[in-house]
Amino acid sequence: MIELTSEQVAALADVDAKGFVERVRQALMSEEPELVNTAFLWARLWRAFNVARGIGIREDAHLIEFLRLEAYSPSFYEKPAMRAWIKRSGHSADERFHDFLCVLRWRIEHPEFVGGLTYGDDTGAAAGERRRGVWAGFVERWKGFAGWCGYGGGGKRGG
């Protein structure tokens, strides 16, 4: 049996992590061709991966969603509200991030409750609609992420 030093094990883990990030990047670019021209996408995803692991996110599904968010909203994890949410005590980082995704999805699906909408404002209820607000850029991308919060699909909570 081959015995590896701790440095060799760390190097293998690094290669595996970089392969994971590259697979996510390739999937993102095949789903959203405009990301091909995004400057420094791999470097941003690698940094986000390390941030996610550093705060305790371990589940592959959550790591993938963390990287997806980074692709569409650079450095989202540095926003004060996100930092406060993810560092709350009482649950694992995976559980807190899962809850964050549920809240994000709900806000996307219910723009009338996000705030600021009044009678006559566009809520994006019809096909081909015009969307406004902070969540507008996420709507179409998140529609395909079935499985969160009991909406069906292959995703599941916990693990």
N, C-alpha and C. Protein backbone atom coordinates (compact mmCIF):
# COMPACT_ATOMS: atom_id res chain seq x y z
N MET A 1 0.84 -1.18 0.00
CA MET A 1 0.00 0.00 0.00
C MET A 1 0.89 1.25 0.00
N ILE A 2 0.49 2.20 -0.78
CA ILE A 2 1.25 3.45 -0.88
C ILE A 2 0.92 4.34 0.32
N GLU A 3 1.96 4.89 0.91
CA GLU A 3 1.75 5.84 2.00
C GLU A 3 2.12 7.22 1.50
N LEU A 4 1.21 8.16 1.72
CA LEU A 4 1.42 9.53 1.26
C LEU A 4 1.72 10.44 2.44
N THR A 5 2.55 11.42 2.19
CA THR A 5 2.81 12.41 3.22
C THR A 5 1.61 13.36 3.30
N SER A 6 1.54 14.13 4.35
CA SER A 6 0.44 15.08 4.48
C SER A 6 0.48 16.12 3.36
N GLU A 7 1.67 16.46 2.90
CA GLU A 7 1.80 17.41 1.79
C GLU A 7 1.25 16.82 0.50
N GLN A 8 1.50 15.52 0.27
CA GLN A 8 0.99 14.86 -0.92
C GLN A 8 -0.54 14.75 -0.87
N VAL A 9 -1.08 14.45 0.29
CA VAL A 9 -2.53 14.37 0.45
C VAL A 9 -3.14 15.75 0.19
N ALA A 10 -2.53 16.80 0.72
CA ALA A 10 -3.02 18.16 0.51
C ALA A 10 -2.97 18.54 -0.97
N ALA A 11 -1.89 18.13 -1.65
CA ALA A 11 -1.77 18.43 -3.08
C ALA A 11 -2.84 17.70 -3.88
N LEU A 12 -3.14 16.45 -3.53
CA LEU A 12 -4.20 15.71 -4.21
C LEU A 12 -5.57 16.34 -3.96
N ALA A 13 -5.79 16.78 -2.73
CA ALA A 13 -7.06 17.45 -2.41
C ALA A 13 -7.20 18.74 -3.21
N ASP A 14 -6.11 19.46 -3.37
CA ASP A 14 -6.12 20.71 -4.15
C ASP A 14 -6.44 20.43 -5.62
N VAL A 15 -5.85 19.39 -6.18
CA VAL A 15 -6.13 19.01 -7.57
C VAL A 15 -7.60 18.63 -7.72
N ASP A 16 -8.13 17.87 -6.76
CA ASP A 16 -9.54 17.47 -6.79
C ASP A 16 -10.45 18.69 -6.71
N ALA A 17 -10.13 19.63 -5.82
CA ALA A 17 -10.95 20.84 -5.67
C ALA A 17 -10.93 21.68 -6.93
N LYS A 18 -9.76 21.83 -7.54
CA LYS A 18 -9.66 22.60 -8.79
C LYS A 18 -10.44 21.92 -9.91
N GLY A 19 -10.43 20.60 -9.94
CA GLY A 19 -11.23 19.87 -10.92
C GLY A 19 -12.72 20.10 -10.70
N PHE A 20 -13.14 20.12 -9.45
CA PHE A 20 -14.54 20.39 -9.11
C PHE A 20 -14.95 21.77 -9.63
N VAL A 21 -14.15 22.77 -9.34
CA VAL A 21 -14.44 24.15 -9.78
C VAL A 21 -14.48 24.22 -11.30
N GLU A 22 -13.56 23.55 -11.95
CA GLU A 22 -13.53 23.57 -13.42
C GLU A 22 -14.77 22.90 -14.00
N ARG A 23 -15.22 21.80 -13.42
CA ARG A 23 -16.45 21.15 -13.90
C ARG A 23 -17.66 22.05 -13.74
N VAL A 24 -17.73 22.76 -12.64
CA VAL A 24 -18.83 23.71 -12.44
C VAL A 24 -18.74 24.84 -13.46
N ARG A 25 -17.55 25.35 -13.69
CA ARG A 25 -17.35 26.42 -14.66
C ARG A 25 -17.78 25.98 -16.06
N GLN A 26 -17.37 24.78 -16.44
CA GLN A 26 -17.75 24.26 -17.76
C GLN A 26 -19.27 24.11 -17.87
N ALA A 27 -19.92 23.61 -16.82
CA ALA A 27 -21.38 23.47 -16.84
C ALA A 27 -22.05 24.83 -16.95
N LEU A 28 -21.56 25.79 -16.21
CA LEU A 28 -22.12 27.14 -16.28
C LEU A 28 -21.99 27.73 -17.67
N MET A 29 -20.83 27.56 -18.28
CA MET A 29 -20.61 28.12 -19.61
C MET A 29 -21.45 27.42 -20.66
N SER A 30 -21.72 26.13 -20.49
CA SER A 30 -22.57 25.45 -21.46
C SER A 30 -24.03 25.86 -21.29
N GLU A 31 -24.44 26.16 -20.04
CA GLU A 31 -25.81 26.61 -19.79
C GLU A 31 -26.02 28.06 -20.18
N GLU A 32 -25.01 28.89 -19.95
CA GLU A 32 -25.09 30.33 -20.19
C GLU A 32 -23.88 30.76 -21.01
N PRO A 33 -23.97 30.66 -22.35
CA PRO A 33 -22.81 30.97 -23.20
C PRO A 33 -22.21 32.36 -22.98
N GLU A 34 -23.00 33.33 -22.51
CA GLU A 34 -22.42 34.66 -22.29
C GLU A 34 -21.38 34.66 -21.18
N LEU A 35 -21.36 33.64 -20.34
CA LEU A 35 -20.34 33.56 -19.29
C LEU A 35 -18.96 33.23 -19.85
N VAL A 36 -18.89 32.73 -21.07
CA VAL A 36 -17.60 32.41 -21.68
C VAL A 36 -16.72 33.65 -21.72
N ASN A 37 -17.31 34.79 -21.95
CA ASN A 37 -16.54 36.03 -22.06
C ASN A 37 -16.37 36.76 -20.73
N THR A 38 -16.81 36.17 -19.65
CA THR A 38 -16.68 36.80 -18.34
C THR A 38 -15.22 36.78 -17.90
N ALA A 39 -14.71 37.96 -17.64
CA ALA A 39 -13.31 38.08 -17.24
C ALA A 39 -13.07 37.42 -15.88
N PHE A 40 -12.02 36.67 -15.82
CA PHE A 40 -11.56 36.07 -14.56
C PHE A 40 -12.58 35.15 -13.90
N LEU A 41 -13.46 34.51 -14.68
CA LEU A 41 -14.49 33.65 -14.09
C LEU A 41 -13.87 32.53 -13.26
N TRP A 42 -12.87 31.84 -13.81
CA TRP A 42 -12.30 30.73 -13.05
C TRP A 42 -11.70 31.22 -11.74
N ALA A 43 -10.98 32.32 -11.77
CA ALA A 43 -10.36 32.86 -10.55
C ALA A 43 -11.43 33.25 -9.53
N ARG A 44 -12.52 33.85 -10.00
CA ARG A 44 -13.61 34.21 -9.08
C ARG A 44 -14.24 32.97 -8.48
N LEU A 45 -14.48 31.95 -9.30
CA LEU A 45 -15.09 30.72 -8.80
C LEU A 45 -14.16 30.02 -7.81
N TRP A 46 -12.88 30.02 -8.08
CA TRP A 46 -11.91 29.39 -7.17
C TRP A 46 -11.91 30.13 -5.82
N ARG A 47 -11.92 31.45 -5.88
CA ARG A 47 -11.95 32.23 -4.64
C ARG A 47 -13.25 31.94 -3.87
N ALA A 48 -14.38 31.93 -4.58
CA ALA A 48 -15.67 31.66 -3.93
C ALA A 48 -15.69 30.25 -3.34
N PHE A 49 -15.12 29.28 -4.03
CA PHE A 49 -15.04 27.92 -3.51
C PHE A 49 -14.30 27.90 -2.19
N ASN A 50 -13.17 28.58 -2.14
CA ASN A 50 -12.38 28.62 -0.91
C ASN A 50 -13.10 29.35 0.21
N VAL A 51 -13.84 30.41 -0.13
CA VAL A 51 -14.65 31.11 0.88
C VAL A 51 -15.72 30.17 1.41
N ALA A 52 -16.41 29.48 0.51
CA ALA A 52 -17.47 28.56 0.93
C ALA A 52 -16.93 27.47 1.85
N ARG A 53 -15.82 26.88 1.48
CA ARG A 53 -15.22 25.84 2.33
C ARG A 53 -14.76 26.44 3.65
N GLY A 54 -14.25 27.66 3.61
CA GLY A 54 -13.78 28.32 4.82
C GLY A 54 -14.89 28.62 5.82
N ILE A 55 -16.09 28.88 5.32
CA ILE A 55 -17.21 29.14 6.24
C ILE A 55 -17.93 27.87 6.64
N GLY A 56 -17.51 26.74 6.06
CA GLY A 56 -18.05 25.46 6.51
C GLY A 56 -19.02 24.78 5.57
N ILE A 57 -19.18 25.27 4.37
CA ILE A 57 -20.07 24.60 3.41
C ILE A 57 -19.33 23.39 2.87
N ARG A 58 -19.94 22.21 3.00
CA ARG A 58 -19.28 20.96 2.62
C ARG A 58 -20.03 20.18 1.54
N GLU A 59 -21.34 20.30 1.50
CA GLU A 59 -22.13 19.51 0.55
C GLU A 59 -21.89 19.99 -0.87
N ASP A 60 -21.65 19.04 -1.77
CA ASP A 60 -21.38 19.39 -3.17
C ASP A 60 -22.48 20.24 -3.77
N ALA A 61 -23.75 19.89 -3.51
CA ALA A 61 -24.87 20.64 -4.09
C ALA A 61 -24.84 22.10 -3.63
N HIS A 62 -24.48 22.33 -2.38
CA HIS A 62 -24.41 23.70 -1.87
C HIS A 62 -23.20 24.43 -2.44
N LEU A 63 -22.09 23.72 -2.59
CA LEU A 63 -20.91 24.34 -3.19
C LEU A 63 -21.20 24.76 -4.63
N ILE A 64 -21.91 23.92 -5.36
CA ILE A 64 -22.26 24.24 -6.74
C ILE A 64 -23.14 25.49 -6.78
N GLU A 65 -24.15 25.55 -5.92
CA GLU A 65 -25.04 26.72 -5.91
C GLU A 65 -24.29 27.97 -5.47
N PHE A 66 -23.34 27.83 -4.55
CA PHE A 66 -22.51 28.95 -4.12
C PHE A 66 -21.73 29.49 -5.32
N LEU A 67 -21.16 28.59 -6.12
CA LEU A 67 -20.41 29.00 -7.30
C LEU A 67 -21.32 29.59 -8.36
N ARG A 68 -22.52 29.07 -8.51
CA ARG A 68 -23.48 29.64 -9.46
C ARG A 68 -23.80 31.08 -9.08
N LEU A 69 -24.05 31.31 -7.81
CA LEU A 69 -24.33 32.67 -7.36
C LEU A 69 -23.15 33.59 -7.65
N GLU A 70 -21.95 33.09 -7.41
CA GLU A 70 -20.76 33.90 -7.69
C GLU A 70 -20.67 34.25 -9.17
N ALA A 71 -21.02 33.32 -10.04
CA ALA A 71 -20.94 33.58 -11.49
C ALA A 71 -21.86 34.71 -11.90
N TYR A 72 -23.04 34.79 -11.28
CA TYR A 72 -24.03 35.79 -11.66
C TYR A 72 -23.99 37.05 -10.80
N SER A 73 -23.41 36.94 -9.62
CA SER A 73 -23.37 38.07 -8.70
C SER A 73 -22.01 38.08 -7.99
N PRO A 74 -20.99 38.62 -8.64
CA PRO A 74 -19.64 38.56 -8.08
C PRO A 74 -19.55 39.06 -6.64
N SER A 75 -18.86 38.28 -5.84
CA SER A 75 -18.61 38.59 -4.42
C SER A 75 -19.88 38.77 -3.60
N PHE A 76 -20.95 38.06 -3.97
CA PHE A 76 -22.20 38.16 -3.22
C PHE A 76 -21.99 37.83 -1.75
N TYR A 77 -21.05 36.97 -1.46
CA TYR A 77 -20.80 36.51 -0.10
C TYR A 77 -20.14 37.59 0.77
N GLU A 78 -19.72 38.69 0.17
CA GLU A 78 -19.13 39.78 0.94
C GLU A 78 -20.16 40.81 1.39
N LYS A 79 -21.38 40.70 0.92
CA LYS A 79 -22.44 41.62 1.31
C LYS A 79 -22.72 41.43 2.80
N PRO A 80 -22.91 42.51 3.54
CA PRO A 80 -23.10 42.41 4.99
C PRO A 80 -24.25 41.48 5.40
N ALA A 81 -25.36 41.53 4.70
CA ALA A 81 -26.49 40.68 5.06
C ALA A 81 -26.15 39.20 4.88
N MET A 82 -25.48 38.89 3.81
CA MET A 82 -25.08 37.49 3.56
C MET A 82 -24.09 37.03 4.61
N ARG A 83 -23.12 37.87 4.92
CA ARG A 83 -22.11 37.50 5.93
C ARG A 83 -22.77 37.26 7.30
N ALA A 84 -23.71 38.13 7.65
CA ALA A 84 -24.40 37.98 8.93
C ALA A 84 -25.21 36.69 8.94
N TRP A 85 -25.89 36.40 7.85
CA TRP A 85 -26.75 35.21 7.78
C TRP A 85 -25.91 33.94 7.88
N ILE A 86 -24.85 33.86 7.12
CA ILE A 86 -24.08 32.63 7.03
C ILE A 86 -23.29 32.35 8.30
N LYS A 87 -23.04 33.40 9.09
CA LYS A 87 -22.26 33.21 10.32
C LYS A 87 -23.12 33.05 11.57
N ARG A 88 -24.43 33.04 11.39
CA ARG A 88 -25.32 32.85 12.55
C ARG A 88 -25.05 31.52 13.21
N SER A 89 -25.21 31.48 14.50
CA SER A 89 -24.95 30.24 15.22
C SER A 89 -26.22 29.38 15.27
N GLY A 90 -26.04 28.15 15.66
CA GLY A 90 -27.18 27.25 15.86
C GLY A 90 -27.35 26.19 14.80
N HIS A 91 -26.86 26.42 13.60
CA HIS A 91 -26.98 25.44 12.52
C HIS A 91 -25.68 25.39 11.74
N SER A 92 -25.53 24.33 10.98
CA SER A 92 -24.32 24.23 10.16
C SER A 92 -24.36 25.24 9.02
N ALA A 93 -23.20 25.51 8.45
CA ALA A 93 -23.13 26.43 7.31
C ALA A 93 -23.96 25.90 6.15
N ASP A 94 -23.97 24.58 5.95
CA ASP A 94 -24.78 24.00 4.88
C ASP A 94 -26.27 24.28 5.10
N GLU A 95 -26.73 24.14 6.34
CA GLU A 95 -28.14 24.42 6.64
C GLU A 95 -28.46 25.90 6.45
N ARG A 96 -27.59 26.75 6.92
CA ARG A 96 -27.83 28.20 6.77
C ARG A 96 -27.81 28.61 5.30
N PHE A 97 -26.89 28.05 4.51
CA PHE A 97 -26.86 28.39 3.09
C PHE A 97 -28.09 27.85 2.37
N HIS A 98 -28.53 26.66 2.75
CA HIS A 98 -29.76 26.11 2.18
C HIS A 98 -30.93 27.05 2.47
N ASP A 99 -31.03 27.52 3.70
CA ASP A 99 -32.10 28.45 4.06
C ASP A 99 -31.98 29.75 3.26
N PHE A 100 -30.77 30.24 3.07
CA PHE A 100 -30.54 31.43 2.25
C PHE A 100 -31.08 31.21 0.84
N LEU A 101 -30.79 30.04 0.26
CA LEU A 101 -31.29 29.73 -1.08
C LEU A 101 -32.82 29.70 -1.12
N CYS A 102 -33.42 29.17 -0.07
CA CYS A 102 -34.89 29.15 0.00
C CYS A 102 -35.46 30.56 0.03
N VAL A 103 -34.86 31.43 0.82
CA VAL A 103 -35.33 32.82 0.90
C VAL A 103 -35.12 33.51 -0.44
N LEU A 104 -33.97 33.31 -1.05
CA LEU A 104 -33.69 33.91 -2.35
C LEU A 104 -34.71 33.45 -3.39
N ARG A 105 -34.96 32.17 -3.42
CA ARG A 105 -35.93 31.63 -4.38
C ARG A 105 -37.32 32.22 -4.13
N TRP A 106 -37.71 32.29 -2.87
CA TRP A 106 -39.03 32.83 -2.56
C TRP A 106 -39.13 34.28 -3.02
N ARG A 107 -38.09 35.07 -2.77
CA ARG A 107 -38.12 36.47 -3.19
C ARG A 107 -38.19 36.61 -4.71
N ILE A 108 -37.55 35.71 -5.41
CA ILE A 108 -37.62 35.73 -6.87
C ILE A 108 -39.02 35.39 -7.34
N GLU A 109 -39.60 34.39 -6.73
CA GLU A 109 -40.93 33.93 -7.15
C GLU A 109 -42.05 34.84 -6.66
N HIS A 110 -41.80 35.70 -5.70
CA HIS A 110 -42.81 36.60 -5.13
C HIS A 110 -42.30 38.03 -5.09
N PRO A 111 -42.03 38.62 -6.25
CA PRO A 111 -41.44 39.97 -6.26
C PRO A 111 -42.36 41.01 -5.64
N GLU A 112 -43.65 40.73 -5.58
CA GLU A 112 -44.57 41.71 -5.01
C GLU A 112 -44.33 41.91 -3.51
N PHE A 113 -43.63 40.98 -2.87
CA PHE A 113 -43.37 41.10 -1.44
C PHE A 113 -41.95 41.56 -1.12
N VAL A 114 -41.13 41.75 -2.12
CA VAL A 114 -39.74 42.14 -1.89
C VAL A 114 -39.66 43.56 -1.35
N GLY A 115 -40.64 44.37 -1.69
CA GLY A 115 -40.67 45.74 -1.20
C GLY A 115 -40.49 46.72 -2.32
N GLY A 116 -41.10 47.86 -2.17
CA GLY A 116 -40.94 48.91 -3.15
C GLY A 116 -41.95 48.88 -4.28
N LEU A 117 -42.68 47.77 -4.43
CA LEU A 117 -43.67 47.72 -5.50
C LEU A 117 -44.96 48.38 -5.03
N THR A 118 -45.52 49.17 -5.91
CA THR A 118 -46.80 49.80 -5.64
C THR A 118 -47.72 49.51 -6.80
N TYR A 119 -48.97 49.88 -6.66
CA TYR A 119 -49.91 49.65 -7.76
C TYR A 119 -49.36 50.28 -9.02
N GLY A 120 -49.40 49.52 -10.10
CA GLY A 120 -48.91 50.00 -11.38
C GLY A 120 -47.48 49.61 -11.66
N ASP A 121 -46.72 49.18 -10.63
CA ASP A 121 -45.37 48.71 -10.88
C ASP A 121 -45.39 47.36 -11.56
N ASP A 122 -44.32 47.06 -12.23
CA ASP A 122 -44.18 45.81 -12.94
C ASP A 122 -43.78 44.71 -11.95
N THR A 123 -44.60 43.66 -11.87
CA THR A 123 -44.27 42.54 -10.99
C THR A 123 -43.70 41.37 -11.77
N GLY A 124 -43.67 41.48 -13.10
CA GLY A 124 -43.10 40.40 -13.89
C GLY A 124 -43.99 39.19 -13.98
N ALA A 125 -45.31 39.39 -13.95
CA ALA A 125 -46.22 38.26 -13.90
C ALA A 125 -46.51 37.64 -15.26
N ALA A 126 -46.24 38.31 -16.34
CA ALA A 126 -46.58 37.78 -17.66
C ALA A 126 -45.34 37.34 -18.41
N ALA A 127 -45.55 36.44 -19.37
CA ALA A 127 -44.44 35.98 -20.19
C ALA A 127 -43.88 37.15 -20.98
N GLY A 128 -42.56 37.17 -21.12
CA GLY A 128 -41.90 38.24 -21.85
C GLY A 128 -41.88 39.55 -21.09
N GLU A 129 -42.05 39.45 -19.78
CA GLU A 129 -42.14 40.65 -18.96
C GLU A 129 -40.81 41.37 -18.82
N ARG A 130 -40.89 42.56 -18.33
CA ARG A 130 -39.74 43.38 -17.99
C ARG A 130 -39.62 43.31 -16.47
N ARG A 131 -38.44 43.00 -15.98
CA ARG A 131 -38.25 42.86 -14.53
C ARG A 131 -37.35 43.95 -14.02
N ARG A 132 -37.58 44.33 -12.78
CA ARG A 132 -36.77 45.35 -12.14
C ARG A 132 -36.32 44.86 -10.78
N GLY A 133 -35.40 45.55 -10.19
CA GLY A 133 -35.01 45.28 -8.81
C GLY A 133 -33.77 44.43 -8.69
N VAL A 134 -33.34 44.26 -7.45
CA VAL A 134 -32.10 43.57 -7.16
C VAL A 134 -32.15 42.10 -7.55
N TRP A 135 -33.32 41.48 -7.55
CA TRP A 135 -33.43 40.06 -7.83
C TRP A 135 -33.65 39.76 -9.30
N ALA A 136 -33.83 40.79 -10.12
CA ALA A 136 -34.19 40.59 -11.52
C ALA A 136 -33.19 39.70 -12.27
N GLY A 137 -31.92 39.89 -12.05
CA GLY A 137 -30.91 39.13 -12.78
C GLY A 137 -30.88 37.66 -12.45
N PHE A 138 -31.44 37.28 -11.31
CA PHE A 138 -31.41 35.88 -10.91
C PHE A 138 -32.60 35.07 -11.40
N VAL A 139 -33.70 35.73 -11.73
CA VAL A 139 -34.97 35.03 -11.94
C VAL A 139 -34.86 33.89 -12.93
N GLU A 140 -34.44 34.14 -14.14
CA GLU A 140 -34.43 33.09 -15.15
C GLU A 140 -33.45 31.97 -14.80
N ARG A 141 -32.32 32.32 -14.23
CA ARG A 141 -31.34 31.30 -13.89
C ARG A 141 -31.83 30.39 -12.77
N TRP A 142 -32.56 30.95 -11.82
CA TRP A 142 -33.00 30.18 -10.67
C TRP A 142 -34.23 29.34 -10.97
N LYS A 143 -34.96 29.65 -12.02
CA LYS A 143 -36.13 28.84 -12.36
C LYS A 143 -35.75 27.40 -12.63
N GLY A 144 -34.56 27.19 -13.16
CA GLY A 144 -34.11 25.85 -13.50
C GLY A 144 -33.52 25.08 -12.33
N PHE A 145 -33.37 25.71 -11.21
CA PHE A 145 -32.74 25.04 -10.07
C PHE A 145 -33.80 24.37 -9.20
N ALA A 146 -34.52 23.42 -9.78
CA ALA A 146 -35.58 22.71 -9.06
C ALA A 146 -34.98 21.85 -7.96
N GLY A 147 -35.80 21.58 -6.98
CA GLY A 147 -35.39 20.69 -5.91
C GLY A 147 -35.19 21.38 -4.59
N TRP A 148 -35.04 22.68 -4.57
CA TRP A 148 -34.84 23.36 -3.30
C TRP A 148 -36.17 23.59 -2.62
N CYS A 149 -36.18 23.50 -1.34
CA CYS A 149 -37.33 23.84 -0.49
C CYS A 149 -38.55 22.99 -0.80
N GLY A 150 -38.35 21.74 -1.19
CA GLY A 150 -39.47 20.85 -1.42
C GLY A 150 -40.23 21.10 -2.70
N TYR A 151 -39.61 21.75 -3.69
CA TYR A 151 -40.28 22.03 -4.94
C TYR A 151 -40.16 20.88 -5.93
N GLY A 152 -39.64 19.75 -5.53
CA GLY A 152 -39.47 18.64 -6.45
C GLY A 152 -38.08 18.63 -7.04
N GLY A 153 -37.85 17.74 -7.99
CA GLY A 153 -36.55 17.67 -8.62
C GLY A 153 -35.59 16.81 -7.81
N GLY A 154 -34.33 16.90 -8.12
CA GLY A 154 -33.35 16.02 -7.51
C GLY A 154 -32.69 16.57 -6.27
N GLY A 155 -32.92 17.83 -5.94
CA GLY A 155 -32.28 18.40 -4.76
C GLY A 155 -32.92 17.93 -3.49
N LYS A 156 -32.17 17.98 -2.40
CA LYS A 156 -32.72 17.59 -1.12
C LYS A 156 -32.05 18.39 -0.03
N ARG A 157 -32.73 18.54 1.05
CA ARG A 157 -32.17 19.27 2.17
C ARG A 157 -31.35 18.34 3.04
N GLY A 158 -30.29 18.93 3.58
CA GLY A 158 -29.47 18.17 4.51
C GLY A 158 -28.69 17.08 3.80
N GLY A 159 -28.22 16.11 4.57
CA GLY A 159 -27.55 15.06 3.85
C GLY A 159 -26.62 14.36 4.69
